[in-house]
Amino acid sequence: MSQIRPEAQDMIGQTAVDQQGQELGEITDVIIGPQGQADAVVVQEGAVLGIGGREVAVPWDQVQISGDQVIVNMSQEELSQMPEYQSGN
């Protein structure tokens, strides 16, 4: 089993924003593929103070790191239309 890379682990707990800087949700996990590379980030959207909401897996190619900001290349509406992430799938 691959160990999560420190940079990826540092993303957990950060707020993901869209390209306009609007908050999309909190990053709750990073999905690591069989080659040890990040495949996706799991974003909890629609939660209030960490309660409620749902999690979606955002493909890594839709994620940018800019300094200490995690930018997702999709809108809140696009994120809301993604299927809910189920751990273990």
Protein backbone atom coordinates (compact mmCIF):
# COMPACT_ATOMS: atom_id res chain seq x y z
CA MET A 1 0.00 0.00 0.00
CA SER A 2 1.32 3.44 -0.97
CA GLN A 3 2.14 5.97 1.70
CA ILE A 4 0.45 9.36 1.24
CA ARG A 5 2.97 12.02 0.22
CA PRO A 6 3.53 14.84 2.75
CA GLU A 7 2.38 17.55 0.28
CA ALA A 8 -0.87 15.70 -0.35
CA GLN A 9 -1.43 15.11 3.35
CA ASP A 10 -0.97 18.85 3.97
CA MET A 11 -3.98 19.53 1.73
CA ILE A 12 -6.34 17.72 4.10
CA GLY A 13 -8.30 20.28 6.11
CA GLN A 14 -7.66 23.11 3.64
CA THR A 15 -10.48 24.96 1.95
CA ALA A 16 -10.88 24.37 -1.77
CA VAL A 17 -11.84 27.45 -3.79
CA ASP A 18 -12.98 28.01 -7.36
CA GLN A 19 -11.05 30.15 -9.84
CA GLN A 20 -12.79 33.28 -8.54
CA GLY A 21 -11.72 32.54 -4.96
CA GLN A 22 -15.17 31.45 -3.77
CA GLU A 23 -15.09 28.68 -1.15
CA LEU A 24 -16.27 25.30 -2.43
CA GLY A 25 -15.68 23.16 0.64
CA GLU A 26 -13.09 21.48 2.82
CA ILE A 27 -10.65 18.89 1.54
CA THR A 28 -11.22 15.77 3.63
CA ASP A 29 -9.02 13.26 1.81
CA VAL A 30 -6.59 12.73 -1.06
CA ILE A 31 -7.07 9.61 -3.16
CA ILE A 32 -3.75 8.01 -4.05
CA GLY A 33 -3.56 5.73 -7.09
CA PRO A 34 -1.57 2.51 -7.44
CA GLN A 35 1.50 4.39 -8.72
CA GLY A 36 1.62 6.55 -5.57
CA GLN A 37 0.32 9.63 -7.40
CA ALA A 38 -2.67 11.70 -6.29
CA ASP A 39 -5.71 10.72 -8.39
CA ALA A 40 -8.28 13.03 -6.77
CA VAL A 41 -9.09 15.18 -3.77
CA VAL A 42 -12.25 14.61 -1.76
CA VAL A 43 -14.11 17.86 -1.09
CA GLN A 44 -16.90 18.10 1.47
CA GLU A 45 -19.34 20.61 0.04
CA GLY A 46 -22.43 22.12 1.59
CA ALA A 47 -21.32 21.53 5.19
CA VAL A 48 -21.88 24.08 7.93
CA LEU A 49 -19.14 24.05 10.58
CA GLY A 50 -18.14 20.59 9.35
CA ILE A 51 -21.63 19.15 9.82
CA GLY A 52 -23.73 17.80 7.00
CA GLY A 53 -22.95 18.25 3.35
CA ARG A 54 -21.63 15.56 1.08
CA GLU A 55 -18.28 14.52 -0.31
CA VAL A 56 -17.27 14.49 -3.97
CA ALA A 57 -14.02 13.26 -5.54
CA VAL A 58 -12.51 15.96 -7.74
CA PRO A 59 -10.11 14.53 -10.35
CA TRP A 60 -6.52 15.65 -9.80
CA ASP A 61 -6.37 17.22 -13.27
CA GLN A 62 -9.04 19.70 -12.08
CA VAL A 63 -6.93 20.81 -9.10
CA GLN A 64 -4.27 23.51 -8.97
CA ILE A 65 -2.02 24.41 -6.06
CA SER A 66 -1.15 28.11 -5.88
CA GLY A 67 0.92 28.92 -2.82
CA ASP A 68 -1.19 27.72 0.09
CA GLN A 69 -4.41 27.79 -1.92
CA VAL A 70 -6.10 24.77 -3.48
CA ILE A 71 -8.00 25.86 -6.58
CA VAL A 72 -10.59 23.60 -8.20
CA ASN A 73 -11.23 24.27 -11.90
CA MET A 74 -15.00 23.99 -11.63
CA SER A 75 -17.88 26.03 -10.29
CA GLN A 76 -20.00 25.30 -7.21
CA GLU A 77 -22.78 24.22 -9.58
CA GLU A 78 -20.49 21.76 -11.42
CA LEU A 79 -19.23 20.40 -8.10
CA SER A 80 -22.82 19.94 -6.88
CA GLN A 81 -23.64 17.88 -9.98
CA MET A 82 -20.84 15.37 -9.36
CA PRO A 83 -21.76 12.00 -7.83
CA GLU A 84 -21.28 11.62 -4.10
CA TYR A 85 -17.99 9.98 -3.14
CA GLN A 86 -18.30 6.72 -1.22
CA SER A 87 -15.14 5.63 0.56
CA GLY A 88 -13.92 2.28 -0.70
CA ASN A 89 -15.26 2.70 -4.27
